[in-house]
N, C-alpha and C. Protein backbone atom coordinates (compact mmCIF):
# COMPACT_ATOMS: atom_id res chain seq x y z
N MET A 1 31.19 -73.63 -1.70
CA MET A 1 31.98 -74.24 -0.58
C MET A 1 32.52 -75.69 -1.87
N GLU A 2 33.82 -75.45 -1.48
CA GLU A 2 34.29 -77.58 -2.07
C GLU A 2 35.33 -78.42 -1.10
N LYS A 3 34.73 -79.43 -1.67
CA LYS A 3 34.71 -80.55 -1.01
C LYS A 3 36.65 -81.23 -1.36
N ASN A 4 37.50 -81.80 -0.02
CA ASN A 4 38.78 -82.15 -0.18
C ASN A 4 38.86 -83.59 -0.63
N PRO A 5 39.76 -84.45 -0.63
CA PRO A 5 38.98 -85.74 -0.78
C PRO A 5 39.22 -86.24 -0.39
N GLN A 6 38.94 -85.91 1.06
CA GLN A 6 38.84 -86.83 2.46
C GLN A 6 37.33 -86.47 2.63
N GLY A 7 36.20 -85.53 1.73
CA GLY A 7 35.21 -84.88 1.80
C GLY A 7 35.09 -83.92 2.88
N GLU A 8 35.69 -83.30 3.19
CA GLU A 8 35.93 -81.99 4.08
C GLU A 8 35.75 -80.84 3.21
N GLU A 9 34.35 -80.36 3.89
CA GLU A 9 34.87 -78.72 3.38
C GLU A 9 35.67 -78.19 3.94
N VAL A 10 36.41 -77.13 2.46
CA VAL A 10 37.20 -76.18 2.41
C VAL A 10 36.80 -75.22 1.66
N VAL A 11 37.11 -73.91 2.66
CA VAL A 11 36.67 -72.74 2.10
C VAL A 11 37.87 -71.60 1.39
N ARG A 12 38.31 -70.95 0.78
CA ARG A 12 38.27 -70.74 -0.56
C ARG A 12 38.96 -68.94 -0.68
N THR A 13 39.55 -68.68 0.25
CA THR A 13 39.72 -67.41 0.04
C THR A 13 40.25 -66.74 -1.07
N GLU A 14 40.46 -65.25 -1.06
CA GLU A 14 41.39 -64.77 -2.27
C GLU A 14 42.58 -64.13 -1.73
N PRO A 15 43.71 -64.24 -2.60
CA PRO A 15 44.88 -63.32 -1.90
C PRO A 15 44.30 -62.43 -0.97
N GLU A 16 44.88 -61.65 -0.51
CA GLU A 16 45.09 -60.21 0.13
C GLU A 16 44.97 -59.39 -0.98
N SER A 17 46.06 -59.64 -2.37
CA SER A 17 46.62 -58.36 -3.44
C SER A 17 45.35 -58.25 -3.83
N VAL A 18 43.76 -59.46 -4.17
CA VAL A 18 43.46 -59.16 -5.06
C VAL A 18 41.90 -58.85 -4.23
N ARG A 19 41.76 -58.69 -2.92
CA ARG A 19 41.21 -57.71 -2.86
C ARG A 19 41.46 -57.00 -2.64
N SER A 20 42.71 -56.10 -2.30
CA SER A 20 43.07 -54.65 -2.10
C SER A 20 42.05 -54.56 -3.51
N ALA A 21 42.89 -55.41 -4.45
CA ALA A 21 42.18 -55.01 -6.10
C ALA A 21 41.22 -54.38 -5.97
N LYS A 22 39.65 -55.47 -5.67
CA LYS A 22 38.66 -55.15 -5.81
C LYS A 22 38.61 -54.08 -5.56
N HIS A 23 38.61 -54.20 -3.76
CA HIS A 23 38.14 -52.56 -2.67
C HIS A 23 38.31 -51.34 -3.54
N SER A 24 40.00 -51.34 -4.06
CA SER A 24 40.48 -49.70 -4.81
C SER A 24 39.74 -50.03 -6.43
N ARG A 25 39.51 -50.78 -6.73
CA ARG A 25 38.30 -50.38 -8.13
C ARG A 25 37.01 -50.22 -7.57
N ARG A 26 36.30 -50.69 -6.71
CA ARG A 26 35.08 -49.90 -6.32
C ARG A 26 34.96 -48.73 -5.43
N THR A 27 35.97 -48.53 -5.03
CA THR A 27 36.42 -47.09 -4.27
C THR A 27 36.13 -46.10 -5.53
N PHE A 28 36.49 -46.14 -6.65
CA PHE A 28 37.55 -45.27 -7.56
C PHE A 28 36.57 -45.30 -8.72
N LEU A 29 35.41 -46.54 -8.51
CA LEU A 29 34.47 -46.36 -9.23
C LEU A 29 33.08 -45.23 -8.69
N PHE A 30 33.46 -45.64 -7.77
CA PHE A 30 32.34 -44.59 -6.55
C PHE A 30 32.35 -42.99 -6.85
N LYS A 31 33.91 -43.09 -6.21
CA LYS A 31 34.15 -41.51 -6.13
C LYS A 31 34.11 -41.18 -7.88
N LEU A 32 34.39 -41.84 -9.01
CA LEU A 32 34.26 -41.23 -10.18
C LEU A 32 32.83 -40.99 -10.33
N SER A 33 31.34 -41.38 -9.23
CA SER A 33 30.09 -41.52 -9.98
C SER A 33 30.00 -40.28 -8.97
N LEU A 34 30.14 -40.70 -7.95
CA LEU A 34 29.65 -39.04 -7.22
C LEU A 34 30.53 -37.28 -8.22
N TRP A 35 31.69 -37.47 -8.73
CA TRP A 35 31.97 -36.74 -9.30
C TRP A 35 31.52 -36.74 -10.59
N LEU A 36 31.31 -37.25 -11.16
CA LEU A 36 30.56 -37.21 -12.56
C LEU A 36 28.75 -36.78 -12.08
N ASN A 37 28.54 -36.91 -11.50
CA ASN A 37 27.60 -36.58 -10.46
C ASN A 37 27.16 -34.74 -10.25
N GLY A 38 28.72 -34.73 -9.43
CA GLY A 38 28.39 -33.35 -8.98
C GLY A 38 29.02 -32.58 -10.63
N ALA A 39 29.67 -32.91 -11.06
CA ALA A 39 29.90 -31.96 -12.67
C ALA A 39 27.99 -31.92 -13.39
N VAL A 40 27.44 -32.83 -13.54
CA VAL A 40 26.23 -32.84 -14.19
C VAL A 40 25.23 -31.48 -13.62
N GLY A 41 25.47 -32.19 -12.06
CA GLY A 41 24.50 -30.86 -11.10
C GLY A 41 25.22 -29.48 -11.59
N ALA A 42 25.76 -29.90 -11.54
CA ALA A 42 27.06 -28.01 -11.83
C ALA A 42 25.99 -27.14 -13.24
N VAL A 43 26.64 -28.12 -14.12
CA VAL A 43 26.44 -28.17 -15.26
C VAL A 43 24.37 -27.47 -14.88
N LEU A 44 23.84 -28.19 -14.78
CA LEU A 44 22.62 -27.51 -15.35
C LEU A 44 22.44 -26.93 -14.21
N ALA A 45 23.00 -26.44 -13.67
CA ALA A 45 22.73 -25.06 -12.63
C ALA A 45 23.12 -23.95 -12.71
N ILE A 46 23.53 -23.64 -13.58
CA ILE A 46 24.45 -22.35 -14.16
C ILE A 46 23.03 -21.91 -14.57
N PRO A 47 22.28 -22.18 -15.23
CA PRO A 47 21.09 -21.07 -15.85
C PRO A 47 20.19 -20.63 -15.05
N VAL A 48 20.33 -21.85 -14.27
CA VAL A 48 19.59 -21.12 -13.22
C VAL A 48 19.87 -20.98 -12.38
N LEU A 49 21.23 -20.75 -11.53
CA LEU A 49 21.62 -19.36 -11.09
C LEU A 49 21.47 -18.32 -11.60
N GLY A 50 21.96 -18.11 -13.61
CA GLY A 50 21.51 -16.81 -13.72
C GLY A 50 20.07 -16.49 -14.09
N TYR A 51 19.33 -17.10 -14.27
CA TYR A 51 18.15 -16.90 -14.21
C TYR A 51 17.64 -16.07 -13.12
N LEU A 52 17.71 -16.77 -11.79
CA LEU A 52 17.87 -16.22 -10.69
C LEU A 52 18.31 -15.14 -10.24
N LEU A 53 19.31 -15.23 -10.37
CA LEU A 53 20.53 -14.05 -9.35
C LEU A 53 20.38 -12.88 -10.97
N GLY A 54 20.51 -13.42 -11.97
CA GLY A 54 20.76 -12.22 -12.78
C GLY A 54 20.19 -10.81 -12.29
N PRO A 55 18.90 -11.05 -12.64
CA PRO A 55 18.07 -9.76 -12.41
C PRO A 55 18.60 -8.49 -10.96
N ALA A 56 19.14 -9.61 -10.03
CA ALA A 56 19.65 -8.01 -8.76
C ALA A 56 21.30 -8.37 -9.29
N MET A 57 21.27 -8.94 -9.76
CA MET A 57 23.12 -8.84 -9.95
C MET A 57 23.21 -7.78 -11.46
N GLU A 58 22.31 -7.24 -11.99
CA GLU A 58 22.15 -6.47 -12.92
C GLU A 58 21.36 -4.93 -12.57
N SER A 59 20.76 -5.30 -11.32
CA SER A 59 19.66 -3.58 -11.28
C SER A 59 20.68 -2.84 -10.82
N GLY A 60 21.97 -3.12 -9.94
CA GLY A 60 23.21 -1.77 -9.62
C GLY A 60 23.49 -1.42 -10.22
N SER A 61 23.92 -2.35 -11.44
CA SER A 61 24.45 -1.04 -12.82
C SER A 61 23.57 -0.43 -13.45
N ASN A 62 22.03 -1.01 -14.22
CA ASN A 62 21.31 -0.48 -14.93
C ASN A 62 20.51 0.12 -14.15
N ASP A 63 20.51 0.83 -12.35
CA ASP A 63 19.88 1.73 -12.31
C ASP A 63 19.94 3.29 -12.46
N ASN A 64 21.18 3.00 -13.00
CA ASN A 64 21.58 4.24 -13.03
C ASN A 64 22.02 4.17 -14.55
N SER A 65 21.50 3.69 -15.88
CA SER A 65 22.06 3.27 -16.86
C SER A 65 21.95 4.51 -17.25
N TRP A 66 22.35 5.82 -17.97
CA TRP A 66 22.52 6.42 -19.12
C TRP A 66 22.47 6.41 -20.66
N VAL A 67 21.65 6.73 -21.31
CA VAL A 67 21.36 6.08 -23.09
C VAL A 67 21.35 7.58 -23.18
N THR A 68 21.86 7.78 -24.86
CA THR A 68 22.16 8.85 -25.56
C THR A 68 20.91 8.74 -26.53
N LEU A 69 20.02 9.86 -26.33
CA LEU A 69 18.79 9.39 -27.90
C LEU A 69 19.34 10.58 -28.99
N GLY A 70 19.70 11.59 -29.10
CA GLY A 70 20.68 11.86 -30.11
C GLY A 70 21.42 13.61 -29.61
N PRO A 71 21.44 13.90 -30.61
CA PRO A 71 22.42 14.76 -30.30
C PRO A 71 21.37 16.37 -30.78
N LEU A 72 22.12 17.25 -29.85
CA LEU A 72 19.95 18.50 -30.03
C LEU A 72 19.91 19.01 -30.95
N THR A 73 20.53 18.48 -32.27
CA THR A 73 20.08 18.62 -33.55
C THR A 73 19.12 18.72 -33.92
N ASP A 74 19.34 17.14 -33.27
CA ASP A 74 17.47 15.99 -33.56
C ASP A 74 16.42 16.82 -33.02
N PHE A 75 16.53 17.80 -32.32
CA PHE A 75 14.91 18.31 -31.21
C PHE A 75 15.16 19.59 -31.41
N PRO A 76 14.38 19.64 -33.38
CA PRO A 76 14.15 21.89 -32.90
C PRO A 76 13.57 21.84 -31.53
N GLU A 77 13.77 23.40 -30.95
CA GLU A 77 12.67 23.62 -30.52
C GLU A 77 10.75 24.06 -30.62
N GLY A 78 11.04 24.45 -29.24
CA GLY A 78 9.54 24.48 -29.84
C GLY A 78 8.83 23.10 -30.10
N GLU A 79 9.47 21.59 -30.88
CA GLU A 79 8.37 20.55 -31.03
C GLU A 79 8.74 19.15 -30.14
N THR A 80 8.01 18.54 -30.67
CA THR A 80 7.73 16.95 -29.85
C THR A 80 8.23 15.53 -30.87
N ARG A 81 9.00 14.86 -30.53
CA ARG A 81 9.08 14.55 -31.72
C ARG A 81 9.01 12.92 -30.61
N LEU A 82 9.03 11.76 -31.91
CA LEU A 82 9.63 10.50 -30.94
C LEU A 82 10.09 9.65 -31.23
N VAL A 83 11.12 9.77 -29.92
CA VAL A 83 12.86 8.63 -30.51
C VAL A 83 12.61 7.06 -29.91
N ASN A 84 13.23 6.25 -29.93
CA ASN A 84 13.34 5.34 -29.76
C ASN A 84 14.87 4.80 -28.92
N TYR A 85 14.97 4.66 -27.91
CA TYR A 85 16.20 3.66 -27.16
C TYR A 85 15.74 2.28 -26.62
N ARG A 86 16.89 1.70 -26.82
CA ARG A 86 17.76 0.31 -26.11
C ARG A 86 17.49 0.38 -24.70
N ASN A 87 16.58 -0.72 -24.18
CA ASN A 87 16.82 -1.00 -23.39
C ASN A 87 17.83 -1.28 -22.67
N PRO A 88 18.71 -0.80 -21.77
CA PRO A 88 19.57 -1.45 -21.18
C PRO A 88 19.92 -2.96 -19.90
N VAL A 89 18.40 -3.61 -19.93
CA VAL A 89 18.35 -4.44 -19.55
C VAL A 89 18.29 -5.49 -20.38
N THR A 90 17.80 -5.38 -21.75
CA THR A 90 18.20 -6.22 -22.62
C THR A 90 19.04 -6.73 -22.90
N THR A 91 18.93 -8.43 -23.84
CA THR A 91 19.57 -8.76 -24.18
C THR A 91 19.82 -9.21 -26.06
N LYS A 92 20.66 -8.93 -26.81
CA LYS A 92 20.96 -9.64 -28.17
C LYS A 92 20.03 -9.94 -29.13
N TRP A 93 19.63 -10.98 -27.25
CA TRP A 93 18.62 -12.22 -29.24
C TRP A 93 17.16 -11.11 -28.81
N ASP A 94 16.65 -10.50 -28.22
CA ASP A 94 15.57 -9.37 -27.49
C ASP A 94 14.98 -8.85 -28.73
N GLY A 95 15.35 -8.72 -29.59
CA GLY A 95 15.68 -8.53 -30.85
C GLY A 95 15.07 -6.54 -30.92
N ASP A 96 13.41 -6.88 -31.85
CA ASP A 96 12.72 -5.15 -31.64
C ASP A 96 12.47 -5.27 -30.61
N THR A 97 11.80 -6.41 -29.64
CA THR A 97 11.55 -5.74 -28.47
C THR A 97 11.97 -5.00 -27.46
N GLY A 98 13.21 -4.91 -27.55
CA GLY A 98 13.92 -3.99 -27.02
C GLY A 98 14.14 -2.71 -26.85
N ASN A 99 13.88 -2.41 -27.65
CA ASN A 99 13.89 -0.95 -28.27
C ASN A 99 12.36 0.21 -27.54
N VAL A 100 12.43 0.83 -26.81
CA VAL A 100 11.60 1.75 -26.18
C VAL A 100 11.40 2.76 -26.99
N PRO A 101 9.86 3.57 -26.77
CA PRO A 101 9.55 4.64 -27.83
C PRO A 101 9.41 5.46 -26.46
N CYS A 102 9.42 7.00 -26.71
CA CYS A 102 9.70 7.79 -25.87
C CYS A 102 9.19 9.04 -26.12
N TRP A 103 8.64 10.42 -25.98
CA TRP A 103 8.33 11.55 -26.60
C TRP A 103 9.62 12.77 -26.24
N VAL A 104 9.77 13.10 -26.91
CA VAL A 104 11.71 14.11 -26.83
C VAL A 104 10.36 15.46 -26.99
N ARG A 105 10.19 16.78 -26.02
CA ARG A 105 10.03 17.84 -26.43
C ARG A 105 11.01 19.16 -25.92
N ARG A 106 11.50 19.80 -26.33
CA ARG A 106 12.52 20.88 -26.26
C ARG A 106 11.38 21.91 -26.26
N VAL A 107 12.09 22.34 -24.79
CA VAL A 107 11.32 23.90 -24.97
C VAL A 107 11.84 24.80 -25.54
N SER A 108 12.80 25.03 -24.81
CA SER A 108 14.24 25.63 -25.51
C SER A 108 15.20 25.69 -24.94
N GLY A 109 16.03 25.92 -25.76
CA GLY A 109 17.92 26.05 -25.68
C GLY A 109 17.65 24.51 -25.01
N THR A 110 18.74 24.44 -23.53
CA THR A 110 19.17 23.25 -23.23
C THR A 110 17.91 22.60 -22.48
N THR A 111 16.60 23.27 -22.14
CA THR A 111 15.31 22.94 -21.44
C THR A 111 14.41 21.67 -22.25
N PHE A 112 14.46 20.65 -21.78
CA PHE A 112 13.82 19.27 -22.26
C PHE A 112 12.79 18.94 -21.23
N GLN A 113 12.00 17.92 -21.74
CA GLN A 113 10.86 16.84 -21.20
C GLN A 113 10.57 15.54 -21.64
N VAL A 114 11.25 14.83 -21.12
CA VAL A 114 11.18 13.55 -21.93
C VAL A 114 9.76 12.94 -21.18
N PHE A 115 8.65 12.67 -21.84
CA PHE A 115 7.66 11.61 -22.14
C PHE A 115 8.14 10.76 -21.85
N ALA A 116 7.57 9.35 -20.91
CA ALA A 116 7.36 8.07 -21.30
C ALA A 116 6.10 8.32 -21.70
N ILE A 117 5.94 7.26 -23.33
CA ILE A 117 5.04 6.90 -24.10
C ILE A 117 3.88 6.60 -24.09
N ASN A 118 3.64 5.66 -22.66
CA ASN A 118 2.43 5.41 -21.80
C ASN A 118 1.68 5.91 -21.48
N CYS A 119 -0.12 5.90 -21.68
CA CYS A 119 -0.42 6.31 -20.59
C CYS A 119 -0.34 6.46 -18.98
N ALA A 120 -0.56 7.68 -17.54
CA ALA A 120 -1.19 7.19 -16.82
C ALA A 120 -2.34 6.48 -16.35
N HIS A 121 -2.45 6.44 -17.36
CA HIS A 121 -4.48 5.65 -16.87
C HIS A 121 -4.19 4.23 -16.87
N LEU A 122 -4.13 3.09 -18.40
CA LEU A 122 -3.59 2.29 -17.87
C LEU A 122 -3.10 1.65 -19.01
N GLY A 123 -2.07 2.68 -19.81
CA GLY A 123 -0.51 2.02 -20.39
C GLY A 123 -0.89 2.22 -21.57
N CYS A 124 -1.95 2.52 -22.05
CA CYS A 124 -2.26 2.67 -23.10
C CYS A 124 -0.32 3.85 -24.38
N PRO A 125 -0.06 3.46 -25.57
CA PRO A 125 0.78 4.56 -25.78
C PRO A 125 0.05 5.27 -26.37
N VAL A 126 0.45 6.64 -26.21
CA VAL A 126 -0.10 7.81 -26.08
C VAL A 126 0.37 8.56 -27.23
N ARG A 127 -0.77 9.68 -28.38
CA ARG A 127 -0.11 9.86 -29.33
C ARG A 127 -0.17 11.85 -29.60
N TRP A 128 0.49 12.05 -29.82
CA TRP A 128 0.94 14.02 -30.14
C TRP A 128 0.78 14.49 -31.30
N PHE A 129 0.09 15.07 -30.46
CA PHE A 129 -0.59 15.97 -31.95
C PHE A 129 -0.38 17.44 -31.89
N ALA A 130 0.46 17.94 -33.10
CA ALA A 130 1.19 19.49 -33.46
C ALA A 130 -0.04 20.08 -33.33
N GLN A 131 -1.21 19.75 -34.34
CA GLN A 131 -1.84 21.34 -34.24
C GLN A 131 -2.46 21.44 -33.00
N SER A 132 -2.64 20.11 -32.88
CA SER A 132 -3.47 20.47 -31.35
C SER A 132 -3.30 20.95 -30.29
N LYS A 133 -1.73 20.64 -30.10
CA LYS A 133 -0.18 20.69 -28.86
C LYS A 133 -1.15 20.15 -28.18
N LEU A 134 -1.71 18.47 -27.82
CA LEU A 134 -1.99 17.41 -26.57
C LEU A 134 -1.72 16.74 -27.32
N PHE A 135 -0.93 15.71 -26.03
CA PHE A 135 -1.10 13.71 -26.28
C PHE A 135 -2.47 13.46 -26.38
N LEU A 136 -2.77 11.98 -26.80
CA LEU A 136 -4.23 12.03 -26.87
C LEU A 136 -4.03 10.03 -26.83
N CYS A 137 -4.95 9.95 -26.21
CA CYS A 137 -4.63 8.29 -26.18
C CYS A 137 -6.04 8.09 -26.57
N PRO A 138 -5.25 7.05 -27.11
CA PRO A 138 -6.36 6.21 -28.14
C PRO A 138 -7.79 5.36 -27.18
N CYS A 139 -7.37 4.72 -26.08
CA CYS A 139 -8.20 3.74 -25.87
C CYS A 139 -8.85 4.35 -24.93
N HIS A 140 -8.91 5.04 -23.77
CA HIS A 140 -10.22 5.87 -22.89
C HIS A 140 -10.28 7.39 -23.05
N GLY A 141 -9.34 7.95 -24.06
CA GLY A 141 -9.64 9.55 -24.15
C GLY A 141 -9.11 10.08 -23.38
N GLY A 142 -7.84 9.35 -22.42
CA GLY A 142 -7.03 10.39 -21.79
C GLY A 142 -6.29 11.60 -22.82
N ALA A 143 -5.95 12.52 -21.99
CA ALA A 143 -5.35 13.63 -23.00
C ALA A 143 -5.04 14.84 -22.31
N TYR A 144 -3.10 14.93 -22.66
CA TYR A 144 -2.30 15.78 -21.80
C TYR A 144 -2.08 16.79 -22.73
N TYR A 145 -1.52 17.83 -22.11
CA TYR A 145 -1.19 19.36 -22.39
C TYR A 145 0.33 18.60 -23.40
N GLU A 146 0.57 19.53 -24.15
CA GLU A 146 2.27 19.76 -24.78
C GLU A 146 3.45 19.55 -23.63
N ASP A 147 3.12 20.32 -22.26
CA ASP A 147 3.89 19.87 -20.91
C ASP A 147 3.73 18.52 -20.32
N GLY A 148 2.69 17.75 -21.05
CA GLY A 148 2.35 16.76 -19.93
C GLY A 148 1.76 16.52 -19.20
N THR A 149 1.21 17.56 -17.98
CA THR A 149 0.17 18.20 -17.60
C THR A 149 -1.40 17.13 -18.09
N ARG A 150 -2.11 17.13 -17.15
CA ARG A 150 -2.91 15.95 -17.11
C ARG A 150 -3.86 17.22 -18.10
N ALA A 151 -5.29 16.62 -19.19
CA ALA A 151 -6.43 18.15 -19.13
C ALA A 151 -7.29 17.18 -19.81
N SER A 152 -7.74 16.22 -19.78
CA SER A 152 -8.69 15.70 -19.95
C SER A 152 -8.93 14.24 -19.21
N GLY A 153 -9.52 13.13 -19.20
CA GLY A 153 -10.05 12.06 -19.38
C GLY A 153 -9.71 11.07 -18.07
N PRO A 154 -9.70 10.37 -18.37
CA PRO A 154 -9.89 9.08 -16.84
C PRO A 154 -8.63 9.32 -16.59
N PRO A 155 -7.25 9.63 -16.98
CA PRO A 155 -5.58 9.66 -15.59
C PRO A 155 -6.57 10.69 -14.71
N GLU A 156 -5.48 9.95 -13.92
CA GLU A 156 -6.15 11.16 -12.33
C GLU A 156 -4.42 11.63 -12.64
N ARG A 157 -3.18 11.11 -13.26
CA ARG A 157 -2.40 12.53 -12.55
C ARG A 157 -2.09 12.76 -14.63
N GLY A 158 -0.76 13.49 -14.32
CA GLY A 158 -0.35 13.42 -15.87
C GLY A 158 0.94 12.76 -16.68
N LEU A 159 1.69 12.99 -17.22
CA LEU A 159 2.83 11.50 -18.12
C LEU A 159 3.89 11.53 -17.30
N PHE A 160 4.41 10.30 -17.34
CA PHE A 160 5.91 10.44 -16.51
C PHE A 160 6.59 10.46 -17.49
N GLU A 161 7.90 11.87 -16.33
CA GLU A 161 9.01 11.65 -17.16
C GLU A 161 10.08 11.36 -16.73
N TYR A 162 11.37 10.97 -17.87
CA TYR A 162 12.08 10.63 -17.51
C TYR A 162 13.37 11.56 -16.90
N GLU A 163 13.76 11.39 -16.39
CA GLU A 163 15.19 11.79 -15.55
C GLU A 163 16.32 11.99 -16.95
N HIS A 164 16.31 13.59 -17.33
CA HIS A 164 17.22 13.77 -17.84
C HIS A 164 18.60 14.73 -17.93
N LYS A 165 19.56 14.95 -18.64
CA LYS A 165 20.51 15.48 -18.83
C LYS A 165 21.03 15.93 -20.45
N VAL A 166 21.78 17.36 -20.83
CA VAL A 166 22.65 17.40 -21.48
C VAL A 166 23.65 17.33 -21.80
N VAL A 167 24.41 15.96 -22.07
CA VAL A 167 26.06 15.94 -21.82
C VAL A 167 26.37 16.37 -23.47
N GLY A 168 27.51 17.53 -23.81
CA GLY A 168 27.89 18.28 -24.38
C GLY A 168 26.65 18.46 -25.44
N ASP A 169 26.54 17.67 -26.67
CA ASP A 169 25.96 18.53 -28.01
C ASP A 169 24.93 16.98 -27.92
N ALA A 170 24.06 15.97 -27.08
CA ALA A 170 23.94 15.37 -26.94
C ALA A 170 22.97 14.95 -25.35
N LEU A 171 21.46 14.55 -25.57
CA LEU A 171 20.40 14.62 -24.78
C LEU A 171 20.30 12.72 -24.04
N MET A 172 20.63 13.01 -22.57
CA MET A 172 20.74 11.57 -22.39
C MET A 172 19.32 11.57 -21.62
N ILE A 173 19.10 10.15 -21.62
CA ILE A 173 18.25 9.94 -20.25
C ILE A 173 18.57 8.91 -19.32
N SER A 174 18.25 8.75 -17.61
CA SER A 174 18.64 7.41 -17.34
C SER A 174 17.15 6.64 -17.70
N ALA A 175 17.61 5.72 -18.83
CA ALA A 175 16.98 4.34 -18.81
C ALA A 175 17.09 2.86 -17.81
N GLY A 176 18.24 2.63 -17.06
CA GLY A 176 17.55 1.90 -16.09
C GLY A 176 16.66 1.81 -15.29
N ARG A 177 15.44 2.81 -14.61
CA ARG A 177 14.97 2.91 -14.65
C ARG A 177 13.90 3.36 -14.89
N MET A 178 12.53 2.45 -15.19
CA MET A 178 11.50 4.03 -16.09
C MET A 178 10.88 4.28 -15.24
N PRO A 179 10.49 5.39 -15.44
CA PRO A 179 9.46 6.34 -14.42
C PRO A 179 8.22 5.86 -13.95
N THR A 180 7.80 5.93 -13.21
CA THR A 180 6.39 4.89 -12.36
C THR A 180 5.89 6.54 -11.36
N LEU A 181 5.23 6.50 -10.44
CA LEU A 181 5.16 6.97 -9.27
C LEU A 181 5.95 6.89 -8.06
N ALA A 182 7.31 5.85 -8.49
CA ALA A 182 7.61 5.83 -7.30
C ALA A 182 9.29 7.09 -7.62
N ASN A 183 9.15 6.84 -8.86
CA ASN A 183 10.05 8.46 -8.53
C ASN A 183 9.86 9.70 -9.52
N GLU A 184 9.41 10.08 -10.91
CA GLU A 184 8.62 10.71 -11.39
C GLU A 184 7.33 10.20 -12.09
N ALA A 185 6.22 11.72 -11.44
CA ALA A 185 5.08 12.17 -12.15
C ALA A 185 5.00 13.37 -12.39
N LYS A 186 4.49 13.39 -13.15
CA LYS A 186 3.97 15.06 -13.35
C LYS A 186 3.23 15.54 -12.44
N ILE A 187 2.83 15.87 -11.89
CA ILE A 187 1.64 16.48 -11.06
C ILE A 187 0.32 17.42 -11.95
N GLU A 188 -0.45 16.84 -11.82
CA GLU A 188 -1.90 16.99 -12.88
C GLU A 188 -1.77 18.99 -12.41
N MET A 189 -2.35 19.62 -13.24
CA MET A 189 -2.31 21.02 -13.98
C MET A 189 -3.41 21.80 -12.59
N PRO A 190 -3.17 22.39 -11.48
CA PRO A 190 -4.01 22.82 -10.64
C PRO A 190 -4.82 23.44 -11.04
N LEU A 191 -6.54 23.55 -10.04
CA LEU A 191 -7.69 23.42 -11.03
C LEU A 191 -7.58 25.10 -11.48
N THR A 192 -7.04 25.76 -10.62
CA THR A 192 -6.90 28.11 -10.91
C THR A 192 -6.61 27.56 -12.36
N GLN A 193 -5.82 26.84 -13.72
CA GLN A 193 -5.23 26.88 -14.19
C GLN A 193 -6.30 26.51 -15.13
N LEU A 194 -6.77 25.39 -14.89
CA LEU A 194 -7.59 24.79 -15.68
C LEU A 194 -9.44 25.35 -16.25
N VAL A 195 -9.71 26.54 -14.71
CA VAL A 195 -11.23 26.71 -14.85
C VAL A 195 -11.04 28.31 -14.42
N GLY A 196 -9.67 28.55 -14.32
CA GLY A 196 -9.79 30.38 -13.71
C GLY A 196 -10.06 29.99 -12.33
N GLY A 197 -9.86 31.14 -11.74
CA GLY A 197 -9.35 31.26 -10.11
C GLY A 197 -11.10 31.21 -9.31
N ASP A 198 -11.68 32.78 -10.28
CA ASP A 198 -13.11 32.74 -9.33
C ASP A 198 -14.13 31.24 -9.54
N SER A 199 -13.77 30.74 -10.81
CA SER A 199 -14.84 29.48 -11.03
C SER A 199 -14.08 28.45 -9.82
N ALA A 200 -13.11 28.51 -10.02
CA ALA A 200 -12.11 27.47 -9.10
C ALA A 200 -12.73 27.64 -7.83
N ALA A 201 -12.73 28.97 -7.61
CA ALA A 201 -13.16 28.97 -5.93
C ALA A 201 -14.79 28.70 -5.43
N ARG A 202 -15.03 28.67 -6.60
CA ARG A 202 -16.84 28.44 -6.60
C ARG A 202 -17.36 27.03 -6.42
N LEU A 203 -16.16 26.22 -6.99
CA LEU A 203 -16.59 24.84 -7.34
C LEU A 203 -16.18 24.61 -6.07
N ALA A 204 -14.99 24.98 -5.50
CA ALA A 204 -14.47 24.43 -4.28
C ALA A 204 -15.81 24.49 -3.33
N LYS A 205 -15.99 26.13 -2.97
CA LYS A 205 -16.63 26.43 -2.61
C LYS A 205 -18.18 24.96 -1.66
N HIS A 206 -18.45 24.90 -3.20
CA HIS A 206 -19.98 24.26 -3.93
C HIS A 206 -19.58 22.64 -2.71
N GLU A 207 -18.38 22.13 -3.54
CA GLU A 207 -17.98 21.01 -2.59
C GLU A 207 -18.44 20.58 -1.10
N GLN A 208 -17.16 21.84 -1.08
CA GLN A 208 -17.34 22.17 0.82
C GLN A 208 -18.19 21.03 1.30
N SER A 209 -19.83 22.59 1.01
CA SER A 209 -20.76 22.61 0.92
C SER A 209 -21.81 21.57 0.62
N LYS A 210 -21.16 20.60 -0.27
CA LYS A 210 -22.01 19.14 -0.89
C LYS A 210 -21.84 18.50 0.20
N PRO A 211 -22.91 17.60 1.18
CA PRO A 211 -22.84 16.69 1.50
C PRO A 211 -22.45 15.23 1.50
N ARG A 212 -21.36 15.06 2.03
CA ARG A 212 -20.97 13.26 1.36
C ARG A 212 -22.50 12.18 1.79
N CYS A 213 -22.94 12.34 2.90
CA CYS A 213 -24.40 10.96 2.42
C CYS A 213 -25.13 11.68 3.21
N GLY A 214 -26.21 10.71 2.90
CA GLY A 214 -27.23 11.30 3.71
C GLY A 214 -27.61 11.69 5.34
N SER A 215 -26.91 10.88 6.25
CA SER A 215 -26.48 11.07 7.05
C SER A 215 -25.79 11.53 8.22
N CYS A 216 -25.42 12.84 6.91
CA CYS A 216 -24.56 14.04 6.82
C CYS A 216 -24.95 14.97 6.56
N GLN A 217 -26.40 14.78 6.39
CA GLN A 217 -26.96 16.67 6.47
C GLN A 217 -27.88 16.76 7.86
N GLY A 218 -27.61 18.21 7.61
CA GLY A 218 -28.28 18.58 9.05
C GLY A 218 -27.35 20.56 8.82
């Protein structure tokens, strides 16, 4: 408050143009801050959304991703070989971790089997021994025949197999979906093939007659 020469208080008011200019400036700064905050939030949200939505967006295109394992001449008939393929869901900076091994068995002609390298017990990588014609797991002693069926050890099933096809002179597998119990799994060899028909019948009869608990006897 100011006083005039007569001692009266005088209230000075700003011109309308000055007040309008200050209001416009405050409004502009407020809108600018909102715009900057929104831009910063959008930039920060891009990688988060990419991380959350990326797998869902890529799953549809990668579920049926077919990759080439090599020409048919790389796989002699009657032999089993280790082959690496590039996982289609990896990125460039994944390096060697994006390479996935598998076992390829060429039965004859265009008849193949492609096995996942992981043991069906706890996932340890199995090794192929050509002399004994067995896949052996170094972790817990699991063994599989050359066709992937279970031979012995703790695994309850055979090796998992990839879906595959021959296109021209190349062997391809469906690599977008790893073989699991939900899709492809080798059924273990029937008991009659392991111990013979007579022995299997006697064993089955013994198992049926064996009481399951003490209260079941009688």
